[in-house]
PDB file of N, CA and C in Angstrom:
ATOM      1  N   UNK A   1       0.850  -1.162   0.000  1.00  0.00           N
ATOM      2  CA  UNK A   1       0.000   0.000   0.000  1.00  0.00           C
ATOM      3  C   UNK A   1       0.900   1.229   0.000  1.00  0.00           C
ATOM      4  N   UNK A   2       0.563   2.185  -0.801  1.00  0.00           N
ATOM      5  CA  UNK A   2       1.379   3.384  -0.923  1.00  0.00           C
ATOM      6  C   UNK A   2       1.210   4.273   0.311  1.00  0.00           C
ATOM      7  N   UNK A   3       2.176   5.169   0.491  1.00  0.00           N
ATOM      8  CA  UNK A   3       2.144   6.102   1.614  1.00  0.00           C
ATOM      9  C   UNK A   3       0.868   6.931   1.572  1.00  0.00           C
ATOM     10  N   UNK A   4       0.459   7.356   0.369  1.00  0.00           N
ATOM     11  CA  UNK A   4      -0.766   8.144   0.260  1.00  0.00           C
ATOM     12  C   UNK A   4      -1.976   7.332   0.714  1.00  0.00           C
ATOM     13  N   UNK A   5      -1.958   6.023   0.458  1.00  0.00           N
ATOM     14  CA  UNK A   5      -3.050   5.167   0.915  1.00  0.00           C
ATOM     15  C   UNK A   5      -3.095   5.062   2.429  1.00  0.00           C
ATOM     16  N   UNK A   6      -1.926   4.987   3.042  1.00  0.00           N
ATOM     17  CA  UNK A   6      -1.852   4.925   4.501  1.00  0.00           C
ATOM     18  C   UNK A   6      -2.318   6.246   5.096  1.00  0.00           C
ATOM     19  N   UNK A   7      -1.880   7.350   4.486  1.00  0.00           N
ATOM     20  CA  UNK A   7      -2.311   8.666   4.974  1.00  0.00           C
ATOM     21  C   UNK A   7      -3.819   8.829   4.828  1.00  0.00           C
ATOM     22  N   UNK A   8      -4.364   8.332   3.722  1.00  0.00           N
ATOM     23  CA  UNK A   8      -5.807   8.397   3.509  1.00  0.00           C
ATOM     24  C   UNK A   8      -6.542   7.592   4.579  1.00  0.00           C
ATOM     25  N   UNK A   9      -6.015   6.405   4.900  1.00  0.00           N
ATOM     26  CA  UNK A   9      -6.647   5.579   5.919  1.00  0.00           C
ATOM     27  C   UNK A   9      -6.580   6.259   7.286  1.00  0.00           C
ATOM     28  N   UNK A  10      -5.451   6.891   7.588  1.00  0.00           N
ATOM     29  CA  UNK A  10      -5.325   7.620   8.852  1.00  0.00           C
ATOM     30  C   UNK A  10      -6.333   8.764   8.929  1.00  0.00           C
ATOM     31  N   UNK A  11      -6.518   9.478   7.820  1.00  0.00           N
ATOM     32  CA  UNK A  11      -7.505  10.558   7.795  1.00  0.00           C
ATOM     33  C   UNK A  11      -8.911  10.015   8.026  1.00  0.00           C
ATOM     34  N   UNK A  12      -9.201   8.852   7.424  1.00  0.00           N
ATOM     35  CA  UNK A  12     -10.513   8.241   7.627  1.00  0.00           C
ATOM     36  C   UNK A  12     -10.715   7.866   9.087  1.00  0.00           C
ATOM     37  N   UNK A  13      -9.684   7.270   9.697  1.00  0.00           N
ATOM     38  CA  UNK A  13      -9.795   6.878  11.101  1.00  0.00           C
ATOM     39  C   UNK A  13      -9.961   8.095  12.004  1.00  0.00           C
ATOM     40  N   UNK A  14      -9.227   9.183  11.698  1.00  0.00           N
ATOM     41  CA  UNK A  14      -9.388  10.414  12.479  1.00  0.00           C
ATOM     42  C   UNK A  14     -10.793  10.977  12.328  1.00  0.00           C
ATOM     43  N   UNK A  15     -11.330  10.947  11.097  1.00  0.00           N
ATOM     44  CA  UNK A  15     -12.684  11.443  10.863  1.00  0.00           C
ATOM     45  C   UNK A  15     -13.702  10.603  11.629  1.00  0.00           C
ATOM     46  N   UNK A  16     -13.491   9.283  11.640  1.00  0.00           N
ATOM     47  CA  UNK A  16     -14.398   8.407  12.383  1.00  0.00           C
ATOM     48  C   UNK A  16     -14.305   8.669  13.880  1.00  0.00           C
ATOM     49  N   UNK A  17     -13.086   8.898  14.385  1.00  0.00           N
ATOM     50  CA  UNK A  17     -12.917   9.181  15.806  1.00  0.00           C
ATOM     51  C   UNK A  17     -13.569  10.498  16.175  1.00  0.00           C
ATOM     52  N   UNK A  18     -13.427  11.505  15.308  1.00  0.00           N
ATOM     53  CA  UNK A  18     -14.063  12.802  15.556  1.00  0.00           C
ATOM     54  C   UNK A  18     -15.577  12.656  15.518  1.00  0.00           C
ATOM     55  N   UNK A  19     -16.070  11.866  14.564  1.00  0.00           N
ATOM     56  CA  UNK A  19     -17.512  11.649  14.450  1.00  0.00           C
ATOM     57  C   UNK A  19     -18.074  10.919  15.658  1.00  0.00           C
ATOM     58  N   UNK A  20     -17.312  10.007  16.227  1.00  0.00           N
ATOM     59  CA  UNK A  20     -17.768   9.277  17.408  1.00  0.00           C
ATOM     60  C   UNK A  20     -17.798  10.198  18.623  1.00  0.00           C
ATOM     61  N   UNK A  21     -16.851  11.135  18.685  1.00  0.00           N
ATOM     62  CA  UNK A  21     -16.793  12.050  19.814  1.00  0.00           C
ATOM     63  C   UNK A  21     -17.863  13.134  19.714  1.00  0.00           C
ATOM     64  N   UNK A  22     -18.165  13.576  18.482  1.00  0.00           N
ATOM     65  CA  UNK A  22     -19.128  14.652  18.271  1.00  0.00           C
ATOM     66  C   UNK A  22     -20.053  14.287  17.111  1.00  0.00           C
ATOM     67  N   UNK A  23     -21.185  13.615  17.377  1.00  0.00           N
ATOM     68  CA  UNK A  23     -22.073  13.166  16.314  1.00  0.00           C
ATOM     69  C   UNK A  23     -22.595  14.310  15.439  1.00  0.00           C
ATOM     70  N   UNK A  24     -22.762  15.502  15.976  1.00  0.00           N
ATOM     71  CA  UNK A  24     -23.253  16.626  15.183  1.00  0.00           C
ATOM     72  C   UNK A  24     -22.227  17.022  14.126  1.00  0.00           C
ATOM     73  N   UNK A  25     -20.942  16.953  14.444  1.00  0.00           N
ATOM     74  CA  UNK A  25     -19.896  17.304  13.494  1.00  0.00           C
ATOM     75  C   UNK A  25     -19.793  16.270  12.382  1.00  0.00           C
ATOM     76  N   UNK A  26     -20.016  14.993  12.705  1.00  0.00           N
ATOM     77  CA  UNK A  26     -19.899  13.963  11.674  1.00  0.00           C
ATOM     78  C   UNK A  26     -21.066  14.021  10.700  1.00  0.00           C
ATOM     79  N   UNK A  27     -22.225  14.498  11.140  1.00  0.00           N
ATOM     80  CA  UNK A  27     -23.371  14.598  10.254  1.00  0.00           C
ATOM     81  C   UNK A  27     -23.151  15.669   9.198  1.00  0.00           C
ATOM     82  N   UNK A  28     -22.397  16.714   9.530  1.00  0.00           N
ATOM     83  CA  UNK A  28     -22.186  17.800   8.588  1.00  0.00           C
ATOM     84  C   UNK A  28     -20.948  17.608   7.740  1.00  0.00           C
ATOM     85  N   UNK A  29     -20.084  16.643   8.079  1.00  0.00           N
ATOM     86  CA  UNK A  29     -18.854  16.443   7.306  1.00  0.00           C
ATOM     87  C   UNK A  29     -19.137  15.613   6.076  1.00  0.00           C
ATOM     88  N   UNK A  30     -18.261  15.753   5.079  1.00  0.00           N
ATOM     89  CA  UNK A  30     -18.389  15.006   3.836  1.00  0.00           C
ATOM     90  C   UNK A  30     -17.945  13.569   4.067  1.00  0.00           C
ATOM     91  N   UNK A  31     -18.279  12.697   3.107  1.00  0.00           N
ATOM     92  CA  UNK A  31     -17.895  11.289   3.207  1.00  0.00           C
ATOM     93  C   UNK A  31     -16.389  11.161   3.110  1.00  0.00           C
ATOM     94  N   UNK A  32     -15.792  10.266   3.895  1.00  0.00           N
ATOM     95  CA  UNK A  32     -14.355  10.067   3.833  1.00  0.00           C
ATOM     96  C   UNK A  32     -13.926   9.545   2.466  1.00  0.00           C
ATOM     97  N   UNK A  33     -12.661   9.771   2.128  1.00  0.00           N
ATOM     98  CA  UNK A  33     -12.124   9.283   0.870  1.00  0.00           C
ATOM     99  C   UNK A  33     -12.172   7.762   0.857  1.00  0.00           C
ATOM    100  N   UNK A  34     -12.334   7.185  -0.318  1.00  0.00           N
ATOM    101  CA  UNK A  34     -12.375   5.740  -0.419  1.00  0.00           C
ATOM    102  C   UNK A  34     -13.789   5.208  -0.569  1.00  0.00           C
ATOM    103  N   UNK A  35     -14.795   6.089  -0.605  1.00  0.00           N
ATOM    104  CA  UNK A  35     -16.154   5.670  -0.846  1.00  0.00           C
ATOM    105  C   UNK A  35     -16.896   5.173   0.379  1.00  0.00           C
ATOM    106  N   UNK A  36     -16.329   5.285   1.557  1.00  0.00           N
ATOM    107  CA  UNK A  36     -17.002   4.834   2.762  1.00  0.00           C
ATOM    108  C   UNK A  36     -18.046   5.870   3.172  1.00  0.00           C
ATOM    109  N   UNK A  37     -19.165   5.383   3.706  1.00  0.00           N
ATOM    110  CA  UNK A  37     -20.190   6.304   4.170  1.00  0.00           C
ATOM    111  C   UNK A  37     -19.738   6.930   5.476  1.00  0.00           C
ATOM    112  N   UNK A  38     -20.275   8.131   5.803  1.00  0.00           N
ATOM    113  CA  UNK A  38     -19.868   8.768   7.053  1.00  0.00           C
ATOM    114  C   UNK A  38     -20.230   7.871   8.244  1.00  0.00           C
ATOM    115  N   UNK A  39     -19.274   7.657   9.113  1.00  0.00           N
ATOM    116  CA  UNK A  39     -19.526   6.850  10.300  1.00  0.00           C
ATOM    117  C   UNK A  39     -19.608   5.368  10.019  1.00  0.00           C
ATOM    118  N   UNK A  40     -19.307   4.940   8.805  1.00  0.00           N
ATOM    119  CA  UNK A  40     -19.401   3.533   8.449  1.00  0.00           C
ATOM    120  C   UNK A  40     -18.057   2.838   8.556  1.00  0.00           C
ATOM    121  N   UNK A  41     -17.681   2.484   9.773  1.00  0.00           N
ATOM    122  CA  UNK A  41     -16.402   1.804   9.968  1.00  0.00           C
ATOM    123  C   UNK A  41     -16.392   0.475   9.237  1.00  0.00           C
ATOM    124  N   UNK A  42     -17.508  -0.233   9.263  1.00  0.00           N
ATOM    125  CA  UNK A  42     -17.587  -1.520   8.573  1.00  0.00           C
ATOM    126  C   UNK A  42     -17.392  -1.334   7.076  1.00  0.00           C
ATOM    127  N   UNK A  43     -17.945  -0.270   6.523  1.00  0.00           N
ATOM    128  CA  UNK A  43     -17.776   0.007   5.094  1.00  0.00           C
ATOM    129  C   UNK A  43     -16.326   0.306   4.765  1.00  0.00           C
ATOM    130  N   UNK A  44     -15.669   1.085   5.608  1.00  0.00           N
ATOM    131  CA  UNK A  44     -14.258   1.419   5.392  1.00  0.00           C
ATOM    132  C   UNK A  44     -13.403   0.158   5.499  1.00  0.00           C
ATOM    133  N   UNK A  45     -13.727  -0.702   6.447  1.00  0.00           N
ATOM    134  CA  UNK A  45     -12.991  -1.944   6.626  1.00  0.00           C
ATOM    135  C   UNK A  45     -13.180  -2.867   5.429  1.00  0.00           C
ATOM    136  N   UNK A  46     -14.413  -2.975   4.937  1.00  0.00           N
ATOM    137  CA  UNK A  46     -14.673  -3.808   3.764  1.00  0.00           C
ATOM    138  C   UNK A  46     -13.946  -3.274   2.539  1.00  0.00           C
ATOM    139  N   UNK A  47     -13.942  -1.959   2.360  1.00  0.00           N
ATOM    140  CA  UNK A  47     -13.243  -1.366   1.219  1.00  0.00           C
ATOM    141  C   UNK A  47     -11.748  -1.639   1.307  1.00  0.00           C
ATOM    142  N   UNK A  48     -11.203  -1.549   2.502  1.00  0.00           N
ATOM    143  CA  UNK A  48      -9.784  -1.821   2.697  1.00  0.00           C
ATOM    144  C   UNK A  48      -9.464  -3.279   2.389  1.00  0.00           C
ATOM    145  N   UNK A  49     -10.310  -4.187   2.836  1.00  0.00           N
ATOM    146  CA  UNK A  49     -10.094  -5.610   2.554  1.00  0.00           C
ATOM    147  C   UNK A  49     -10.218  -5.915   1.067  1.00  0.00           C
ATOM    148  N   UNK A  50     -11.149  -5.235   0.381  1.00  0.00           N
ATOM    149  CA  UNK A  50     -11.267  -5.403  -1.068  1.00  0.00           C
ATOM    150  C   UNK A  50     -10.004  -4.920  -1.770  1.00  0.00           C
ATOM    151  N   UNK A  51      -9.444  -3.798  -1.313  1.00  0.00           N
ATOM    152  CA  UNK A  51      -8.210  -3.272  -1.902  1.00  0.00           C
ATOM    153  C   UNK A  51      -7.051  -4.248  -1.707  1.00  0.00           C
ATOM    154  N   UNK A  52      -6.957  -4.826  -0.518  1.00  0.00           N
ATOM    155  CA  UNK A  52      -5.889  -5.793  -0.243  1.00  0.00           C
ATOM    156  C   UNK A  52      -6.073  -7.026  -1.124  1.00  0.00           C
ATOM    157  N   UNK A  53      -7.291  -7.487  -1.247  1.00  0.00           N
ATOM    158  CA  UNK A  53      -7.567  -8.646  -2.091  1.00  0.00           C
ATOM    159  C   UNK A  53      -7.233  -8.355  -3.550  1.00  0.00           C
ATOM    160  N   UNK A  54      -7.587  -7.171  -4.023  1.00  0.00           N
ATOM    161  CA  UNK A  54      -7.282  -6.792  -5.406  1.00  0.00           C
ATOM    162  C   UNK A  54      -5.770  -6.723  -5.624  1.00  0.00           C
ATOM    163  N   UNK A  55      -5.032  -6.204  -4.645  1.00  0.00           N
ATOM    164  CA  UNK A  55      -3.571  -6.127  -4.754  1.00  0.00           C
ATOM    165  C   UNK A  55      -2.972  -7.530  -4.804  1.00  0.00           C
ATOM    166  N   UNK A  56      -3.501  -8.449  -4.001  1.00  0.00           N
ATOM    167  CA  UNK A  56      -3.006  -9.825  -4.014  1.00  0.00           C
ATOM    168  C   UNK A  56      -3.309 -10.500  -5.350  1.00  0.00           C
ATOM    169  N   UNK A  57      -4.513 -10.291  -5.863  1.00  0.00           N
ATOM    170  CA  UNK A  57      -4.877 -10.881  -7.148  1.00  0.00           C
ATOM    171  C   UNK A  57      -3.995 -10.331  -8.267  1.00  0.00           C
ATOM    172  N   UNK A  58      -3.754  -9.022  -8.253  1.00  0.00           N
ATOM    173  CA  UNK A  58      -2.909  -8.399  -9.271  1.00  0.00           C
ATOM    174  C   UNK A  58      -1.479  -8.950  -9.196  1.00  0.00           C
ATOM    175  N   UNK A  59      -0.959  -9.099  -7.987  1.00  0.00           N
ATOM    176  CA  UNK A  59       0.392  -9.635  -7.813  1.00  0.00           C
ATOM    177  C   UNK A  59       0.473 -11.064  -8.337  1.00  0.00           C
ATOM    178  N   UNK A  60      -0.545 -11.858  -8.060  1.00  0.00           N
ATOM    179  CA  UNK A  60      -0.555 -13.240  -8.556  1.00  0.00           C
ATOM    180  C   UNK A  60      -0.628 -13.285 -10.079  1.00  0.00           C
ATOM    181  N   UNK A  61      -1.431 -12.398 -10.665  1.00  0.00           N
ATOM    182  CA  UNK A  61      -1.524 -12.342 -12.119  1.00  0.00           C
ATOM    183  C   UNK A  61      -0.194 -11.913 -12.738  1.00  0.00           C
ATOM    184  N   UNK A  62       0.465 -10.941 -12.106  1.00  0.00           N
ATOM    185  CA  UNK A  62       1.765 -10.491 -12.593  1.00  0.00           C
ATOM    186  C   UNK A  62       2.783 -11.633 -12.515  1.00  0.00           C
ATOM    187  N   UNK A  63       2.774 -12.385 -11.415  1.00  0.00           N
ATOM    188  CA  UNK A  63       3.707 -13.498 -11.254  1.00  0.00           C
ATOM    189  C   UNK A  63       3.464 -14.562 -12.316  1.00  0.00           C
ATOM    190  N   UNK A  64       2.192 -14.887 -12.573  1.00  0.00           N
ATOM    191  CA  UNK A  64       1.882 -15.878 -13.593  1.00  0.00           C
ATOM    192  C   UNK A  64       2.302 -15.389 -14.976  1.00  0.00           C
ATOM    193  N   UNK A  65       2.075 -14.111 -15.242  1.00  0.00           N
ATOM    194  CA  UNK A  65       2.469 -13.548 -16.536  1.00  0.00           C
ATOM    195  C   UNK A  65       3.986 -13.610 -16.701  1.00  0.00           C
ATOM    196  N   UNK A  66       4.724 -13.335 -15.633  1.00  0.00           N
ATOM    197  CA  UNK A  66       6.179 -13.401 -15.700  1.00  0.00           C
ATOM    198  C   UNK A  66       6.640 -14.836 -15.950  1.00  0.00           C
ATOM    199  N   UNK A  67       6.002 -15.792 -15.257  1.00  0.00           N
ATOM    200  CA  UNK A  67       6.371 -17.194 -15.429  1.00  0.00           C
ATOM    201  C   UNK A  67       6.100 -17.682 -16.848  1.00  0.00           C
ATOM    202  N   UNK A  68       5.048 -17.136 -17.470  1.00  0.00           N
ATOM    203  CA  UNK A  68       4.713 -17.534 -18.837  1.00  0.00           C
ATOM    204  C   UNK A  68       5.537 -16.781 -19.879  1.00  0.00           C
ATOM    205  N   UNK A  69       6.312 -15.789 -19.437  1.00  0.00           N
ATOM    206  CA  UNK A  69       7.173 -15.054 -20.353  1.00  0.00           C
ATOM    207  C   UNK A  69       6.466 -13.980 -21.146  1.00  0.00           C
ATOM    208  N   UNK A  70       5.396 -13.426 -20.596  1.00  0.00           N
ATOM    209  CA  UNK A  70       4.670 -12.355 -21.274  1.00  0.00           C
ATOM    210  C   UNK A  70       5.586 -11.138 -21.397  1.00  0.00           C
ATOM    211  N   UNK A  71       5.687 -10.576 -22.614  1.00  0.00           N
ATOM    212  CA  UNK A  71       6.558  -9.411 -22.781  1.00  0.00           C
ATOM    213  C   UNK A  71       6.054  -8.212 -21.967  1.00  0.00           C
ATOM    214  N   UNK A  72       6.991  -7.445 -21.442  1.00  0.00           N
ATOM    215  CA  UNK A  72       6.637  -6.235 -20.694  1.00  0.00           C
ATOM    216  C   UNK A  72       6.443  -6.469 -19.201  1.00  0.00           C
ATOM    217  N   UNK A  73       6.539  -7.709 -18.752  1.00  0.00           N
ATOM    218  CA  UNK A  73       6.397  -8.011 -17.324  1.00  0.00           C
ATOM    219  C   UNK A  73       7.785  -8.351 -16.792  1.00  0.00           C
ATOM    220  N   UNK A  74       8.337  -7.437 -15.990  1.00  0.00           N
ATOM    221  CA  UNK A  74       9.676  -7.637 -15.462  1.00  0.00           C
ATOM    222  C   UNK A  74       9.647  -8.213 -14.054  1.00  0.00           C
ATOM    223  N   UNK A  75      10.736  -8.840 -13.692  1.00  0.00           N
ATOM    224  CA  UNK A  75      10.846  -9.422 -12.356  1.00  0.00           C
ATOM    225  C   UNK A  75      10.731  -8.348 -11.282  1.00  0.00           C
ATOM    226  N   UNK A  76      11.320  -7.174 -11.537  1.00  0.00           N
ATOM    227  CA  UNK A  76      11.236  -6.111 -10.533  1.00  0.00           C
ATOM    228  C   UNK A  76       9.791  -5.667 -10.303  1.00  0.00           C
ATOM    229  N   UNK A  77       8.975  -5.598 -11.362  1.00  0.00           N
ATOM    230  CA  UNK A  77       7.566  -5.237 -11.207  1.00  0.00           C
ATOM    231  C   UNK A  77       6.815  -6.289 -10.404  1.00  0.00           C
ATOM    232  N   UNK A  78       7.118  -7.551 -10.690  1.00  0.00           N
ATOM    233  CA  UNK A  78       6.466  -8.653  -9.967  1.00  0.00           C
ATOM    234  C   UNK A  78       6.817  -8.594  -8.490  1.00  0.00           C
ATOM    235  N   UNK A  79       8.093  -8.399  -8.191  1.00  0.00           N
ATOM    236  CA  UNK A  79       8.530  -8.368  -6.792  1.00  0.00           C
ATOM    237  C   UNK A  79       7.926  -7.176  -6.048  1.00  0.00           C
ATOM    238  N   UNK A  80       7.855  -6.034  -6.701  1.00  0.00           N
ATOM    239  CA  UNK A  80       7.259  -4.852  -6.054  1.00  0.00           C
ATOM    240  C   UNK A  80       5.777  -5.093  -5.778  1.00  0.00           C
ATOM    241  N   UNK A  81       5.064  -5.646  -6.767  1.00  0.00           N
ATOM    242  CA  UNK A  81       3.635  -5.927  -6.562  1.00  0.00           C
ATOM    243  C   UNK A  81       3.423  -6.957  -5.457  1.00  0.00           C
ATOM    244  N   UNK A  82       4.296  -7.948  -5.393  1.00  0.00           N
ATOM    245  CA  UNK A  82       4.182  -8.958  -4.337  1.00  0.00           C
ATOM    246  C   UNK A  82       4.415  -8.332  -2.960  1.00  0.00           C
ATOM    247  N   UNK A  83       5.385  -7.433  -2.863  1.00  0.00           N
ATOM    248  CA  UNK A  83       5.657  -6.776  -1.584  1.00  0.00           C
ATOM    249  C   UNK A  83       4.515  -5.854  -1.181  1.00  0.00           C
ATOM    250  N   UNK A  84       3.935  -5.134  -2.148  1.00  0.00           N
ATOM    251  CA  UNK A  84       2.781  -4.272  -1.847  1.00  0.00           C
ATOM    252  C   UNK A  84       1.626  -5.105  -1.293  1.00  0.00           C
ATOM    253  N   UNK A  85       1.369  -6.239  -1.940  1.00  0.00           N
ATOM    254  CA  UNK A  85       0.294  -7.119  -1.478  1.00  0.00           C
ATOM    255  C   UNK A  85       0.601  -7.657  -0.084  1.00  0.00           C
ATOM    256  N   UNK A  86       1.849  -8.013   0.161  1.00  0.00           N
ATOM    257  CA  UNK A  86       2.243  -8.537   1.470  1.00  0.00           C
ATOM    258  C   UNK A  86       2.097  -7.467   2.552  1.00  0.00           C
ATOM    259  N   UNK A  87       2.516  -6.253   2.265  1.00  0.00           N
ATOM    260  CA  UNK A  87       2.395  -5.167   3.250  1.00  0.00           C
ATOM    261  C   UNK A  87       0.929  -4.882   3.551  1.00  0.00           C
ATOM    262  N   UNK A  88       0.089  -4.872   2.514  1.00  0.00           N
ATOM    263  CA  UNK A  88      -1.341  -4.667   2.732  1.00  0.00           C
ATOM    264  C   UNK A  88      -1.949  -5.758   3.584  1.00  0.00           C
ATOM    265  N   UNK A  89      -1.547  -7.009   3.333  1.00  0.00           N
ATOM    266  CA  UNK A  89      -2.049  -8.125   4.122  1.00  0.00           C
ATOM    267  C   UNK A  89      -1.584  -8.019   5.574  1.00  0.00           C
ATOM    268  N   UNK A  90      -0.314  -7.686   5.776  1.00  0.00           N
ATOM    269  CA  UNK A  90       0.213  -7.552   7.132  1.00  0.00           C
ATOM    270  C   UNK A  90      -0.506  -6.434   7.887  1.00  0.00           C
ATOM    271  N   UNK A  91      -0.797  -5.330   7.186  1.00  0.00           N
ATOM    272  CA  UNK A  91      -1.520  -4.234   7.817  1.00  0.00           C
ATOM    273  C   UNK A  91      -2.927  -4.690   8.225  1.00  0.00           C
ATOM    274  N   UNK A  92      -3.598  -5.420   7.337  1.00  0.00           N
ATOM    275  CA  UNK A  92      -4.936  -5.930   7.653  1.00  0.00           C
ATOM    276  C   UNK A  92      -4.890  -6.877   8.842  1.00  0.00           C
ATOM    277  N   UNK A  93      -3.858  -7.689   8.890  1.00  0.00           N
ATOM    278  CA  UNK A  93      -3.696  -8.620  10.002  1.00  0.00           C
ATOM    279  C   UNK A  93      -3.504  -7.865  11.318  1.00  0.00           C
ATOM    280  N   UNK A  94      -2.716  -6.807  11.304  1.00  0.00           N
ATOM    281  CA  UNK A  94      -2.499  -6.015  12.515  1.00  0.00           C
ATOM    282  C   UNK A  94      -3.773  -5.293  12.952  1.00  0.00           C
ATOM    283  N   UNK A  95      -4.553  -4.797  11.980  1.00  0.00           N
ATOM    284  CA  UNK A  95      -5.835  -4.160  12.316  1.00  0.00           C
ATOM    285  C   UNK A  95      -6.751  -5.178  12.959  1.00  0.00           C
ATOM    286  N   UNK A  96      -6.798  -6.385  12.406  1.00  0.00           N
ATOM    287  CA  UNK A  96      -7.622  -7.436  12.996  1.00  0.00           C
ATOM    288  C   UNK A  96      -7.176  -7.743  14.413  1.00  0.00           C
ATOM    289  N   UNK A  97      -5.859  -7.840  14.626  1.00  0.00           N
ATOM    290  CA  UNK A  97      -5.343  -8.137  15.960  1.00  0.00           C
ATOM    291  C   UNK A  97      -5.719  -7.040  16.950  1.00  0.00           C
ATOM    292  N   UNK A  98      -5.647  -5.780  16.518  1.00  0.00           N
ATOM    293  CA  UNK A  98      -6.019  -4.662  17.400  1.00  0.00           C
ATOM    294  C   UNK A  98      -7.508  -4.689  17.712  1.00  0.00           C
ATOM    295  N   UNK A  99      -8.329  -5.027  16.719  1.00  0.00           N
ATOM    296  CA  UNK A  99      -9.773  -5.110  16.956  1.00  0.00           C
ATOM    297  C   UNK A  99     -10.101  -6.231  17.938  1.00  0.00           C
ATOM    298  N   UNK A 100      -9.457  -7.372  17.789  1.00  0.00           N
ATOM    299  CA  UNK A 100      -9.680  -8.490  18.714  1.00  0.00           C
ATOM    300  C   UNK A 100      -9.222  -8.107  20.115  1.00  0.00           C
ATOM    301  N   UNK A 101      -8.087  -7.440  20.198  1.00  0.00           N
ATOM    302  CA  UNK A 101      -7.577  -6.999  21.495  1.00  0.00           C
ATOM    303  C   UNK A 101      -8.530  -6.001  22.155  1.00  0.00           C
ATOM    304  N   UNK A 102      -9.047  -5.068  21.367  1.00  0.00           N
ATOM    305  CA  UNK A 102      -9.997  -4.086  21.903  1.00  0.00           C
ATOM    306  C   UNK A 102     -11.279  -4.773  22.361  1.00  0.00           C
ATOM    307  N   UNK A 103     -11.768  -5.737  21.571  1.00  0.00           N
ATOM    308  CA  UNK A 103     -12.964  -6.458  21.946  1.00  0.00           C
ATOM    309  C   UNK A 103     -12.748  -7.234  23.250  1.00  0.00           C
ATOM    310  N   UNK A 104     -11.593  -7.879  23.371  1.00  0.00           N
ATOM    311  CA  UNK A 104     -11.284  -8.633  24.576  1.00  0.00           C
ATOM    312  C   UNK A 104     -11.207  -7.716  25.794  1.00  0.00           C
ATOM    313  N   UNK A 105     -10.572  -6.571  25.618  1.00  0.00           N
ATOM    314  CA  UNK A 105     -10.463  -5.621  26.710  1.00  0.00           C
ATOM    315  C   UNK A 105     -11.833  -5.120  27.149  1.00  0.00           C
ATOM    316  N   UNK A 106     -12.674  -4.790  26.181  1.00  0.00           N
ATOM    317  CA  UNK A 106     -14.007  -4.282  26.508  1.00  0.00           C
ATOM    318  C   UNK A 106     -14.865  -5.372  27.143  1.00  0.00           C
ATOM    319  N   UNK A 107     -14.772  -6.614  26.621  1.00  0.00           N
ATOM    320  CA  UNK A 107     -15.595  -7.688  27.187  1.00  0.00           C
ATOM    321  C   UNK A 107     -15.152  -8.058  28.594  1.00  0.00           C
ATOM    322  N   UNK A 108     -13.903  -7.765  28.958  1.00  0.00           N
ATOM    323  CA  UNK A 108     -13.419  -8.084  30.298  1.00  0.00           C
ATOM    324  C   UNK A 108     -13.626  -6.942  31.290  1.00  0.00           C
ATOM    325  N   UNK A 109     -14.189  -5.839  30.843  1.00  0.00           N
ATOM    326  CA  UNK A 109     -14.439  -4.722  31.754  1.00  0.00           C
ATOM    327  C   UNK A 109     -15.583  -5.070  32.712  1.00  0.00           C
ATOM    328  N   UNK A 110     -15.455  -4.620  33.941  1.00  0.00           N
ATOM    329  CA  UNK A 110     -16.563  -4.889  34.878  1.00  0.00           C
ATOM    330  C   UNK A 110     -17.796  -4.092  34.507  1.00  0.00           C
ATOM    331  N   UNK A 111     -18.929  -4.656  34.829  1.00  0.00           N
ATOM    332  CA  UNK A 111     -20.205  -4.023  34.468  1.00  0.00           C
ATOM    333  C   UNK A 111     -20.569  -2.959  35.395  1.00  0.00           C
TER     334      UNK A 111
END
């Protein structure tokens, strides 16, 4: 995932945090970048997972094209696409781990 993509995701998370703190402000703000609806964390998460899946599929297609000897597909392009897909997957995995950790912490809070 590119730096601009990470910055975009951070902006979305900040907008969601601001919206959770002040519901009146989130109602008047525009939709976050990436097509997610305002306040739709699930939508933002699904869009992010779709992007990661698309990056993985593209990397696999590039690798297959390189293996078949398709002209214009270089090893460096394949390796870069594979690393982008891997970084996106690792980021998704860390987000999942943080969500599970937050859920566990909240479920263990006294009533």
